Amino acid sequence: MTRTLDTRNNWVTMMLVTKYRYNCFGKQSHIYTCTAAFQELEAFGFEFGNFGFGGTHVHFLVNVPKCYSITVAEIMLKSHSARAMFEKHPGFRKRYPRGSFWSGYEHHESTGRKDFEESSAYIRDQEHHHGIVVIDDRQQRLNVLTAEQDTSSPTKTRA
């Protein structure tokens, strides 16, 4: 039996809010962790569009596979991303000792062909819309600490 390719689309614009509306997405590393956790669910058939972080919440476009309801998809997205946030950033356990990263509030609406670009533009503009500045705290590469070429012997390097 061959599987047929799912040709329909179920694009949904979602917004998930952090518990107590704490400003958890002010650092680029937190944004990267959350985005990567969502994208790991592509193995289950999810397809993602743009992501937009507004400090206390995230907006994104997602194509939910037909085998999942919106409620089940929301639970999968929230639980997987919360687990990744707590694993990569242990300091979040101090803020959320009970392990609940996302609030119970969520918003979703169907995104058709007509308003797809409009939704994408709104999502991309979240930092400007909310007036936040994201701190890029990802580890940078320092050129100062690299080994220098040894001039006495062309095959050796000095540390």
C-alpha atoms as a PDB file:
ATOM      1  CA  MET A   1       0.000   0.000   0.000  1.00  0.00           C
ATOM      2  CA  THR A   2       1.447   3.353  -0.958  1.00  0.00           C
ATOM      3  CA  ARG A   3       0.812   6.514   1.023  1.00  0.00           C
ATOM      4  CA  THR A   4      -0.616   9.417  -0.849  1.00  0.00           C
ATOM      5  CA  LEU A   5       0.816  12.855  -0.350  1.00  0.00           C
ATOM      6  CA  ASP A   6      -1.359  15.205   1.687  1.00  0.00           C
ATOM      7  CA  THR A   7      -2.158  17.944  -0.828  1.00  0.00           C
ATOM      8  CA  ARG A   8      -4.533  20.050   1.208  1.00  0.00           C
ATOM      9  CA  ASN A   9      -3.259  22.838   3.380  1.00  0.00           C
ATOM     10  CA  ASN A  10      -4.299  23.780   6.875  1.00  0.00           C
ATOM     11  CA  TRP A  11      -2.237  26.900   7.454  1.00  0.00           C
ATOM     12  CA  VAL A  12      -2.967  28.412  10.841  1.00  0.00           C
ATOM     13  CA  THR A  13      -1.633  31.618  12.388  1.00  0.00           C
ATOM     14  CA  MET A  14      -0.929  30.851  16.039  1.00  0.00           C
ATOM     15  CA  MET A  15       0.039  32.950  19.019  1.00  0.00           C
ATOM     16  CA  LEU A  16       1.347  31.352  22.208  1.00  0.00           C
ATOM     17  CA  VAL A  17       1.890  33.410  25.368  1.00  0.00           C
ATOM     18  CA  THR A  18       4.399  32.714  28.146  1.00  0.00           C
ATOM     19  CA  LYS A  19       3.053  32.017  31.615  1.00  0.00           C
ATOM     20  CA  TYR A  20       2.383  35.208  33.618  1.00  0.00           C
ATOM     21  CA  ARG A  21       3.422  37.120  30.468  1.00  0.00           C
ATOM     22  CA  TYR A  22       7.052  37.141  31.557  1.00  0.00           C
ATOM     23  CA  ASN A  23       9.360  38.746  29.018  1.00  0.00           C
ATOM     24  CA  CYS A  24      11.252  35.568  28.123  1.00  0.00           C
ATOM     25  CA  PHE A  25      12.099  36.303  24.495  1.00  0.00           C
ATOM     26  CA  GLY A  26      14.457  39.237  24.942  1.00  0.00           C
ATOM     27  CA  LYS A  27      17.563  37.207  24.132  1.00  0.00           C
ATOM     28  CA  GLN A  28      18.393  35.696  20.772  1.00  0.00           C
ATOM     29  CA  SER A  29      19.418  32.381  22.339  1.00  0.00           C
ATOM     30  CA  HIS A  30      15.923  31.943  23.819  1.00  0.00           C
ATOM     31  CA  ILE A  31      14.325  32.757  20.471  1.00  0.00           C
ATOM     32  CA  TYR A  32      16.644  30.325  18.681  1.00  0.00           C
ATOM     33  CA  THR A  33      15.894  27.513  21.178  1.00  0.00           C
ATOM     34  CA  CYS A  34      12.142  27.959  20.846  1.00  0.00           C
ATOM     35  CA  THR A  35      12.250  28.156  17.047  1.00  0.00           C
ATOM     36  CA  ALA A  36      14.472  25.066  16.814  1.00  0.00           C
ATOM     37  CA  ALA A  37      12.118  23.135  19.105  1.00  0.00           C
ATOM     38  CA  PHE A  38       9.140  23.995  16.911  1.00  0.00           C
ATOM     39  CA  GLN A  39      11.033  23.012  13.767  1.00  0.00           C
ATOM     40  CA  GLU A  40      11.922  19.611  15.243  1.00  0.00           C
ATOM     41  CA  LEU A  41       8.226  18.796  14.882  1.00  0.00           C
ATOM     42  CA  GLU A  42       8.603  18.881  11.090  1.00  0.00           C
ATOM     43  CA  ALA A  43       9.413  15.177  11.463  1.00  0.00           C
ATOM     44  CA  PHE A  44       5.727  14.689  12.374  1.00  0.00           C
ATOM     45  CA  GLY A  45       4.506  16.490   9.250  1.00  0.00           C
ATOM     46  CA  PHE A  46       4.249  20.055  10.535  1.00  0.00           C
ATOM     47  CA  GLU A  47       5.356  22.801   8.170  1.00  0.00           C
ATOM     48  CA  PHE A  48       6.331  26.227   9.500  1.00  0.00           C
ATOM     49  CA  GLY A  49       6.292  29.679   7.974  1.00  0.00           C
ATOM     50  CA  ASN A  50       7.571  32.826   9.629  1.00  0.00           C
ATOM     51  CA  PHE A  51       8.181  33.268  13.346  1.00  0.00           C
ATOM     52  CA  GLY A  52       7.788  36.567  15.185  1.00  0.00           C
ATOM     53  CA  PHE A  53       8.668  37.064  18.847  1.00  0.00           C
ATOM     54  CA  GLY A  54       7.096  39.905  20.807  1.00  0.00           C
ATOM     55  CA  GLY A  55       8.911  39.564  24.134  1.00  0.00           C
ATOM     56  CA  THR A  56       6.111  37.786  26.003  1.00  0.00           C
ATOM     57  CA  HIS A  57       4.674  35.764  23.129  1.00  0.00           C
ATOM     58  CA  VAL A  58       5.371  34.184  19.768  1.00  0.00           C
ATOM     59  CA  HIS A  59       3.391  34.420  16.526  1.00  0.00           C
ATOM     60  CA  PHE A  60       3.955  31.873  13.789  1.00  0.00           C
ATOM     61  CA  LEU A  61       2.426  30.225  10.758  1.00  0.00           C
ATOM     62  CA  VAL A  62       2.047  26.466  10.848  1.00  0.00           C
ATOM     63  CA  ASN A  63       0.571  23.960   8.436  1.00  0.00           C
ATOM     64  CA  VAL A  64      -1.016  21.344  10.715  1.00  0.00           C
ATOM     65  CA  PRO A  65      -1.101  17.807   9.283  1.00  0.00           C
ATOM     66  CA  LYS A  66      -4.583  16.401   8.823  1.00  0.00           C
ATOM     67  CA  CYS A  67      -3.987  13.599  11.328  1.00  0.00           C
ATOM     68  CA  TYR A  68      -3.826  16.153  14.193  1.00  0.00           C
ATOM     69  CA  SER A  69      -6.559  18.411  15.475  1.00  0.00           C
ATOM     70  CA  ILE A  70      -5.686  22.015  16.338  1.00  0.00           C
ATOM     71  CA  THR A  71      -5.896  21.173  20.052  1.00  0.00           C
ATOM     72  CA  VAL A  72      -3.519  18.223  19.755  1.00  0.00           C
ATOM     73  CA  ALA A  73      -1.139  20.277  17.594  1.00  0.00           C
ATOM     74  CA  GLU A  74      -1.141  23.063  20.196  1.00  0.00           C
ATOM     75  CA  ILE A  75      -0.330  20.576  22.974  1.00  0.00           C
ATOM     76  CA  MET A  76       2.520  19.093  20.917  1.00  0.00           C
ATOM     77  CA  LEU A  77       3.951  22.529  20.090  1.00  0.00           C
ATOM     78  CA  LYS A  78       3.753  23.790  23.679  1.00  0.00           C
ATOM     79  CA  SER A  79       5.110  20.682  25.380  1.00  0.00           C
ATOM     80  CA  HIS A  80       8.001  20.146  22.969  1.00  0.00           C
ATOM     81  CA  SER A  81       9.135  23.783  23.046  1.00  0.00           C
ATOM     82  CA  ALA A  82       8.777  24.053  26.852  1.00  0.00           C
ATOM     83  CA  ARG A  83      10.882  20.931  27.335  1.00  0.00           C
ATOM     84  CA  ALA A  84      13.590  22.346  25.058  1.00  0.00           C
ATOM     85  CA  MET A  85      13.572  25.719  26.864  1.00  0.00           C
ATOM     86  CA  PHE A  86      14.030  24.072  30.270  1.00  0.00           C
ATOM     87  CA  GLU A  87      16.790  21.778  28.970  1.00  0.00           C
ATOM     88  CA  LYS A  88      18.824  24.479  27.199  1.00  0.00           C
ATOM     89  CA  HIS A  89      18.243  27.262  29.748  1.00  0.00           C
ATOM     90  CA  PRO A  90      18.146  25.814  33.290  1.00  0.00           C
ATOM     91  CA  GLY A  91      17.562  29.289  34.764  1.00  0.00           C
ATOM     92  CA  PHE A  92      13.969  29.114  33.573  1.00  0.00           C
ATOM     93  CA  ARG A  93      13.303  26.583  36.351  1.00  0.00           C
ATOM     94  CA  LYS A  94      13.763  29.447  38.840  1.00  0.00           C
ATOM     95  CA  ARG A  95      11.092  31.490  37.102  1.00  0.00           C
ATOM     96  CA  TYR A  96       8.808  28.528  36.411  1.00  0.00           C
ATOM     97  CA  PRO A  97       9.372  26.048  39.277  1.00  0.00           C
ATOM     98  CA  ARG A  98       6.274  24.008  38.383  1.00  0.00           C
ATOM     99  CA  GLY A  99       7.525  23.462  34.826  1.00  0.00           C
ATOM    100  CA  SER A 100       4.733  25.291  33.022  1.00  0.00           C
ATOM    101  CA  PHE A 101       6.353  27.607  30.469  1.00  0.00           C
ATOM    102  CA  TRP A 102       3.311  28.516  28.351  1.00  0.00           C
ATOM    103  CA  SER A 103       0.103  30.044  29.667  1.00  0.00           C
ATOM    104  CA  GLY A 104      -3.271  28.498  28.973  1.00  0.00           C
ATOM    105  CA  TYR A 105      -4.041  31.292  26.532  1.00  0.00           C
ATOM    106  CA  GLU A 106      -3.503  30.734  22.845  1.00  0.00           C
ATOM    107  CA  HIS A 107      -4.927  32.236  19.720  1.00  0.00           C
ATOM    108  CA  HIS A 108      -5.243  30.595  16.338  1.00  0.00           C
ATOM    109  CA  GLU A 109      -6.975  31.481  13.130  1.00  0.00           C
ATOM    110  CA  SER A 110      -7.084  29.891   9.741  1.00  0.00           C
ATOM    111  CA  THR A 111      -4.848  31.550   7.180  1.00  0.00           C
ATOM    112  CA  GLY A 112      -6.036  31.291   3.602  1.00  0.00           C
ATOM    113  CA  ARG A 113      -4.365  32.222   0.362  1.00  0.00           C
ATOM    114  CA  LYS A 114      -5.672  35.801   0.462  1.00  0.00           C
ATOM    115  CA  ASP A 115      -4.359  36.770   3.884  1.00  0.00           C
ATOM    116  CA  PHE A 116      -1.204  34.604   3.934  1.00  0.00           C
ATOM    117  CA  GLU A 117       1.135  37.460   2.959  1.00  0.00           C
ATOM    118  CA  GLU A 118      -0.624  39.875   5.306  1.00  0.00           C
ATOM    119  CA  SER A 119      -0.170  37.453   8.218  1.00  0.00           C
ATOM    120  CA  SER A 120       3.471  36.869   7.281  1.00  0.00           C
ATOM    121  CA  ALA A 121       4.184  40.605   7.229  1.00  0.00           C
ATOM    122  CA  TYR A 122       2.548  41.069  10.640  1.00  0.00           C
ATOM    123  CA  ILE A 123       4.549  38.198  12.116  1.00  0.00           C
ATOM    124  CA  ARG A 124       7.861  39.485  10.718  1.00  0.00           C
ATOM    125  CA  ASP A 125       7.190  42.937  12.224  1.00  0.00           C
ATOM    126  CA  GLN A 126       6.707  41.816  15.852  1.00  0.00           C
ATOM    127  CA  GLU A 127       9.871  43.412  17.273  1.00  0.00           C
ATOM    128  CA  HIS A 128       9.004  46.774  15.739  1.00  0.00           C
ATOM    129  CA  HIS A 129       5.288  46.444  16.583  1.00  0.00           C
ATOM    130  CA  HIS A 130       6.019  45.878  20.295  1.00  0.00           C
ATOM    131  CA  GLY A 131       9.071  48.143  20.428  1.00  0.00           C
ATOM    132  CA  ILE A 132      11.457  45.529  21.812  1.00  0.00           C
ATOM    133  CA  VAL A 133      15.162  45.108  21.258  1.00  0.00           C
ATOM    134  CA  VAL A 134      16.466  41.550  21.173  1.00  0.00           C
ATOM    135  CA  ILE A 135      19.896  41.037  22.727  1.00  0.00           C
ATOM    136  CA  ASP A 136      22.113  38.810  20.610  1.00  0.00           C
ATOM    137  CA  ASP A 137      23.713  36.690  23.331  1.00  0.00           C
ATOM    138  CA  ARG A 138      24.722  33.742  21.167  1.00  0.00           C
ATOM    139  CA  GLN A 139      28.337  32.708  21.491  1.00  0.00           C
ATOM    140  CA  GLN A 140      30.571  34.617  19.108  1.00  0.00           C
ATOM    141  CA  ARG A 141      33.839  33.386  17.636  1.00  0.00           C
ATOM    142  CA  LEU A 142      36.904  35.283  18.805  1.00  0.00           C
ATOM    143  CA  ASN A 143      39.748  35.654  16.324  1.00  0.00           C
ATOM    144  CA  VAL A 144      42.129  36.808  19.055  1.00  0.00           C
ATOM    145  CA  LEU A 145      42.512  33.328  20.536  1.00  0.00           C
ATOM    146  CA  THR A 146      43.350  31.432  17.353  1.00  0.00           C
ATOM    147  CA  ALA A 147      46.750  29.809  16.910  1.00  0.00           C
ATOM    148  CA  GLU A 148      49.344  31.757  14.938  1.00  0.00           C
ATOM    149  CA  GLN A 149      51.423  30.284  12.132  1.00  0.00           C
ATOM    150  CA  ASP A 150      54.980  29.401  13.220  1.00  0.00           C
ATOM    151  CA  THR A 151      57.376  31.214  10.886  1.00  0.00           C
ATOM    152  CA  SER A 152      60.401  29.073  11.805  1.00  0.00           C
ATOM    153  CA  SER A 153      58.785  25.899  10.437  1.00  0.00           C
ATOM    154  CA  PRO A 154      55.989  26.007   7.854  1.00  0.00           C
ATOM    155  CA  THR A 155      54.237  22.878   9.226  1.00  0.00           C
ATOM    156  CA  LYS A 156      54.078  23.805  12.936  1.00  0.00           C
ATOM    157  CA  THR A 157      51.718  26.177  14.735  1.00  0.00           C
ATOM    158  CA  ARG A 158      52.214  28.029  17.983  1.00  0.00           C
ATOM    159  CA  ALA A 159      49.512  28.185  20.636  1.00  0.00           C
END
